[in-house]
Amino acid sequence: MSHLRSLGGRFLPGPPRPRRRRSTLAARGQSLVEFSLVLPILMVLLLGVVDFGRVFAAGITMEAAARNGAEAVALERLHNPPATPGDPAYYQALHDLAASTVCHEARSLPSTTYDAGPPEACPDMPIVAVCIHDGADPLCSEPDAVSGNSGGIPPQCSQILDTTNRTNDFAGDTSSKFVEVRTCYRFTTLFNLHLQLPMSAGMDLGDVWLQRTRTFVIDCPPLGTWTC
């Protein structure tokens, strides 16, 4: 009864017992421990959402870069056809134009090795492969003609490494000419994470390789404008 005090013959409650304060502190400590355990997972989810948006935006940029590169080469090839069919110097200039256009479009992305030039270039990233499908481009299947591979082409760039479709043919249609531009870009997330979850699940955040292929018609075949 030491925690009760008398006032006018009545007993009033006195100060709370110390053990109640200890219970409150214990509850607060438990909440702090639980929050510290949940916080890393919340941060991973938050950064994952942010990285998803960044990857999506980078994919749109690389799509536009590949398409604009193909268009620039197609217009140049249309207005200034080669004086000598199969001239390596002429086609090398077209390949360089595509790589320069792609590099200019992608210069705002992180991890790009942009050189303002002139000419504008990206020695390492993004990697660009070009083929002018006109029956005369001698550089289509040449691995050395790929731009942005000073450190070698990574195995993640499967589309550029695959030369089975990067050949100078028309897929059975010799009436139309077109330009094909392939790009490969390494997007780096905010942080690298390799998390092993229960039930054989996992979560990996790190490099994301964005590959895009776009074509642009040089000229329309006779009586076949519906294909343009």
Protein backbone atom coordinates (compact mmCIF):
# COMPACT_ATOMS: atom_id res chain seq x y z
CA MET A 1 0.00 0.00 0.00
CA SER A 2 3.09 2.27 -0.13
CA HIS A 3 1.91 3.63 -3.45
CA LEU A 4 -1.30 5.04 -1.86
CA ARG A 5 -1.49 8.25 0.11
CA SER A 6 -4.17 9.45 2.59
CA LEU A 7 -6.05 12.69 2.13
CA GLY A 8 -8.93 13.50 4.50
CA GLY A 9 -9.47 9.86 5.39
CA ARG A 10 -9.48 8.81 1.76
CA PHE A 11 -6.77 6.94 -0.05
CA LEU A 12 -5.69 8.38 -3.38
CA PRO A 13 -3.43 6.66 -5.86
CA GLY A 14 0.18 7.73 -5.66
CA PRO A 15 2.88 7.78 -8.38
CA PRO A 16 2.95 4.82 -10.79
CA ARG A 17 5.18 1.99 -9.88
CA PRO A 18 8.60 1.91 -11.55
CA ARG A 19 7.89 -1.49 -13.14
CA ARG A 20 5.21 0.09 -15.32
CA ARG A 21 7.78 2.50 -16.74
CA ARG A 22 10.03 -0.43 -17.45
CA SER A 23 7.20 -2.11 -19.38
CA THR A 24 6.70 1.02 -21.50
CA LEU A 25 10.40 1.25 -22.28
CA ALA A 26 10.49 -2.42 -23.20
CA ALA A 27 7.60 -1.96 -25.64
CA ARG A 28 9.31 1.03 -27.25
CA GLY A 29 12.54 -0.92 -27.56
CA GLN A 30 10.74 -3.82 -29.20
CA SER A 31 9.13 -1.45 -31.72
CA LEU A 32 12.52 0.07 -32.53
CA VAL A 33 14.05 -3.36 -33.12
CA GLU A 34 11.16 -4.39 -35.37
CA PHE A 35 11.44 -1.15 -37.36
CA SER A 36 15.19 -1.64 -37.82
CA LEU A 37 14.50 -5.11 -39.20
CA VAL A 38 11.81 -3.94 -41.62
CA LEU A 39 13.62 -0.78 -42.77
CA PRO A 40 16.12 -2.52 -45.13
CA ILE A 41 13.29 -4.34 -46.89
CA LEU A 42 11.33 -1.10 -47.28
CA MET A 43 14.42 0.63 -48.69
CA VAL A 44 14.97 -2.20 -51.19
CA LEU A 45 11.35 -1.96 -52.34
CA LEU A 46 11.54 1.83 -52.63
CA LEU A 47 14.79 1.79 -54.59
CA GLY A 48 13.43 -1.02 -56.74
CA VAL A 49 10.45 1.13 -57.75
CA VAL A 50 12.77 4.06 -58.50
CA ASP A 51 15.11 1.87 -60.56
CA PHE A 52 12.17 0.42 -62.50
CA GLY A 53 11.19 3.91 -63.59
CA ARG A 54 14.79 4.73 -64.52
CA VAL A 55 15.16 1.53 -66.56
CA PHE A 56 11.86 2.21 -68.34
CA ALA A 57 12.97 5.74 -69.27
CA ALA A 58 16.38 4.49 -70.43
CA GLY A 59 14.68 1.86 -72.61
CA ILE A 60 12.59 4.54 -74.32
CA THR A 61 15.72 6.64 -74.91
CA MET A 62 17.61 3.73 -76.47
CA GLU A 63 14.64 2.86 -78.67
CA ALA A 64 14.53 6.40 -80.01
CA ALA A 65 18.32 6.43 -80.44
CA ALA A 66 18.31 3.23 -82.52
CA ARG A 67 15.43 4.44 -84.67
CA ASN A 68 16.97 7.88 -85.25
CA GLY A 69 20.30 6.30 -86.15
CA ALA A 70 18.64 4.09 -88.75
CA GLU A 71 16.69 7.04 -90.16
CA ALA A 72 19.80 9.24 -90.45
CA VAL A 73 21.68 6.55 -92.39
CA ALA A 74 18.68 5.76 -94.61
CA LEU A 75 18.29 9.41 -95.62
CA GLU A 76 22.02 9.77 -96.27
CA ARG A 77 22.08 6.57 -98.33
CA LEU A 78 19.03 7.72 -100.32
CA HIS A 79 20.27 11.22 -101.14
CA ASN A 80 23.96 10.29 -101.61
CA PRO A 81 24.19 6.78 -103.10
CA PRO A 82 27.64 5.19 -103.42
CA ALA A 83 29.65 6.05 -106.52
CA THR A 84 31.29 2.63 -106.35
CA PRO A 85 29.21 -0.34 -105.16
CA GLY A 86 30.67 -1.94 -102.08
CA ASP A 87 33.11 0.90 -101.33
CA PRO A 88 34.30 0.18 -97.74
CA ALA A 89 35.08 3.85 -97.02
CA TYR A 90 31.59 4.93 -98.07
CA TYR A 91 29.87 2.35 -95.90
CA GLN A 92 32.20 3.00 -92.99
CA ALA A 93 31.08 6.63 -93.05
CA LEU A 94 27.44 5.49 -92.90
CA HIS A 95 28.20 3.20 -89.97
CA ASP A 96 29.96 6.06 -88.19
CA LEU A 97 26.95 8.31 -88.82
CA ALA A 98 24.62 5.79 -87.17
CA ALA A 99 26.93 5.37 -84.18
CA SER A 100 27.30 9.14 -83.82
CA THR A 101 23.52 9.63 -83.94
CA VAL A 102 22.88 6.92 -81.34
CA CYS A 103 25.59 8.33 -79.10
CA HIS A 104 24.16 11.84 -79.36
CA GLU A 105 20.68 10.62 -78.41
CA ALA A 106 21.94 8.54 -75.47
CA ARG A 107 24.41 11.09 -74.10
CA SER A 108 22.13 11.99 -71.15
CA LEU A 109 22.04 8.42 -69.83
CA PRO A 110 24.38 7.34 -67.04
CA SER A 111 27.32 5.02 -67.80
CA THR A 112 27.69 6.35 -71.35
CA THR A 113 31.19 7.25 -72.52
CA TYR A 114 30.19 10.30 -74.52
CA ASP A 115 32.79 12.24 -76.50
CA ALA A 116 31.46 15.48 -78.00
CA GLY A 117 33.97 15.25 -80.84
CA PRO A 118 33.45 16.12 -83.59
CA PRO A 119 32.46 13.59 -84.59
CA GLU A 120 30.35 12.59 -81.59
CA ALA A 121 31.26 9.14 -80.38
CA CYS A 122 30.92 6.69 -77.48
CA PRO A 123 34.10 4.60 -77.28
CA ASP A 124 32.65 2.03 -74.90
CA MET A 125 28.94 2.44 -74.22
CA PRO A 126 26.44 2.16 -75.82
CA ILE A 127 27.53 -0.44 -78.37
CA VAL A 128 26.15 -0.02 -81.88
CA ALA A 129 26.04 -2.42 -84.83
CA VAL A 130 24.87 -1.27 -88.26
CA CYS A 131 23.97 -3.02 -91.51
CA ILE A 132 22.82 -1.34 -94.73
CA HIS A 133 20.72 -4.01 -96.43
CA ASP A 134 21.33 -2.96 -100.02
CA GLY A 135 23.29 -5.94 -101.28
CA ALA A 136 26.60 -4.07 -101.21
CA ASP A 137 27.55 -3.23 -97.60
CA PRO A 138 30.77 -5.17 -96.90
CA LEU A 139 30.76 -4.34 -93.17
CA CYS A 140 27.56 -6.00 -92.02
CA SER A 141 29.06 -9.12 -90.51
CA GLU A 142 32.40 -7.60 -89.52
CA PRO A 143 32.78 -7.60 -85.72
CA ASP A 144 35.42 -4.86 -85.94
CA ALA A 145 32.82 -2.57 -87.55
CA VAL A 146 30.76 -2.53 -84.34
CA SER A 147 31.11 0.87 -82.65
CA GLY A 148 31.60 1.30 -78.92
CA ASN A 149 33.44 -1.95 -78.22
CA SER A 150 36.91 -0.77 -77.28
CA GLY A 151 36.81 -3.06 -74.28
CA GLY A 152 35.27 -5.97 -76.19
CA ILE A 153 31.62 -6.89 -76.69
CA PRO A 154 30.09 -8.24 -73.45
CA PRO A 155 28.28 -11.58 -73.70
CA GLN A 156 25.11 -9.85 -72.48
CA CYS A 157 24.86 -8.11 -75.88
CA SER A 158 23.46 -11.22 -77.51
CA GLN A 159 21.77 -9.41 -80.39
CA ILE A 160 25.01 -7.80 -81.54
CA LEU A 161 27.06 -10.95 -81.00
CA ASP A 162 24.55 -12.99 -83.05
CA THR A 163 25.70 -12.53 -86.65
CA THR A 164 23.19 -14.98 -88.16
CA ASN A 165 20.70 -12.19 -88.84
CA ARG A 166 23.23 -9.39 -89.19
CA THR A 167 24.05 -10.18 -92.82
CA ASN A 168 23.64 -8.19 -95.98
CA ASP A 169 20.59 -9.85 -97.46
CA PHE A 170 16.98 -8.95 -98.10
CA ALA A 171 15.22 -11.97 -96.60
CA GLY A 172 13.99 -12.94 -100.06
CA ASP A 173 12.87 -9.42 -101.05
CA THR A 174 15.42 -7.68 -103.30
CA SER A 175 13.11 -4.84 -104.31
CA SER A 176 13.60 -2.73 -101.19
CA LYS A 177 16.61 -1.50 -99.24
CA PHE A 178 16.69 -0.74 -95.52
CA VAL A 179 19.03 0.12 -92.68
CA GLU A 180 19.28 -1.96 -89.51
CA VAL A 181 20.71 -0.53 -86.29
CA ARG A 182 21.28 -2.63 -83.18
CA THR A 183 22.20 -1.13 -79.81
CA CYS A 184 23.27 -2.54 -76.47
CA TYR A 185 23.48 -0.40 -73.34
CA ARG A 186 24.44 -1.28 -69.77
CA PHE A 187 22.16 0.38 -67.23
CA THR A 188 23.48 0.38 -63.66
CA THR A 189 20.96 0.43 -60.83
CA LEU A 190 21.35 2.56 -57.71
CA PHE A 191 23.07 -0.26 -55.85
CA ASN A 192 23.97 -3.89 -56.41
CA LEU A 193 22.01 -6.34 -54.31
CA HIS A 194 21.84 -10.12 -54.32
CA LEU A 195 19.26 -11.16 -51.75
CA GLN A 196 18.33 -14.77 -51.04
CA LEU A 197 14.75 -15.12 -49.84
CA PRO A 198 12.96 -18.12 -48.28
CA MET A 199 11.47 -20.90 -50.42
CA SER A 200 14.28 -20.71 -53.01
CA ALA A 201 13.32 -17.18 -54.00
CA GLY A 202 15.79 -14.40 -54.65
CA MET A 203 16.13 -10.77 -55.66
CA ASP A 204 18.93 -9.38 -57.83
CA LEU A 205 19.54 -5.71 -58.51
CA GLY A 206 22.55 -4.71 -60.56
CA ASP A 207 23.38 -4.18 -64.23
CA VAL A 208 20.48 -4.30 -66.68
CA TRP A 209 21.39 -4.74 -70.35
CA LEU A 210 19.03 -2.92 -72.73
CA GLN A 211 19.10 -4.16 -76.33
CA ARG A 212 17.15 -2.51 -79.13
CA THR A 213 16.96 -3.17 -82.88
CA ARG A 214 15.32 -0.75 -85.29
CA THR A 215 15.11 -0.61 -89.09
CA PHE A 216 14.32 2.17 -91.53
CA VAL A 217 13.42 1.77 -95.21
CA ILE A 218 15.72 3.53 -97.66
CA ASP A 219 13.31 3.45 -100.59
CA CYS A 220 9.95 1.92 -101.37
CA PRO A 221 9.65 -0.94 -103.87
CA PRO A 222 7.73 -0.22 -107.09
CA LEU A 223 3.99 -0.74 -106.76
CA GLY A 224 4.52 -1.69 -103.11
CA THR A 225 4.19 1.52 -101.15
CA TRP A 226 2.00 -0.29 -98.61
CA THR A 227 5.18 -1.76 -97.13
CA CYS A 228 6.70 1.66 -96.38
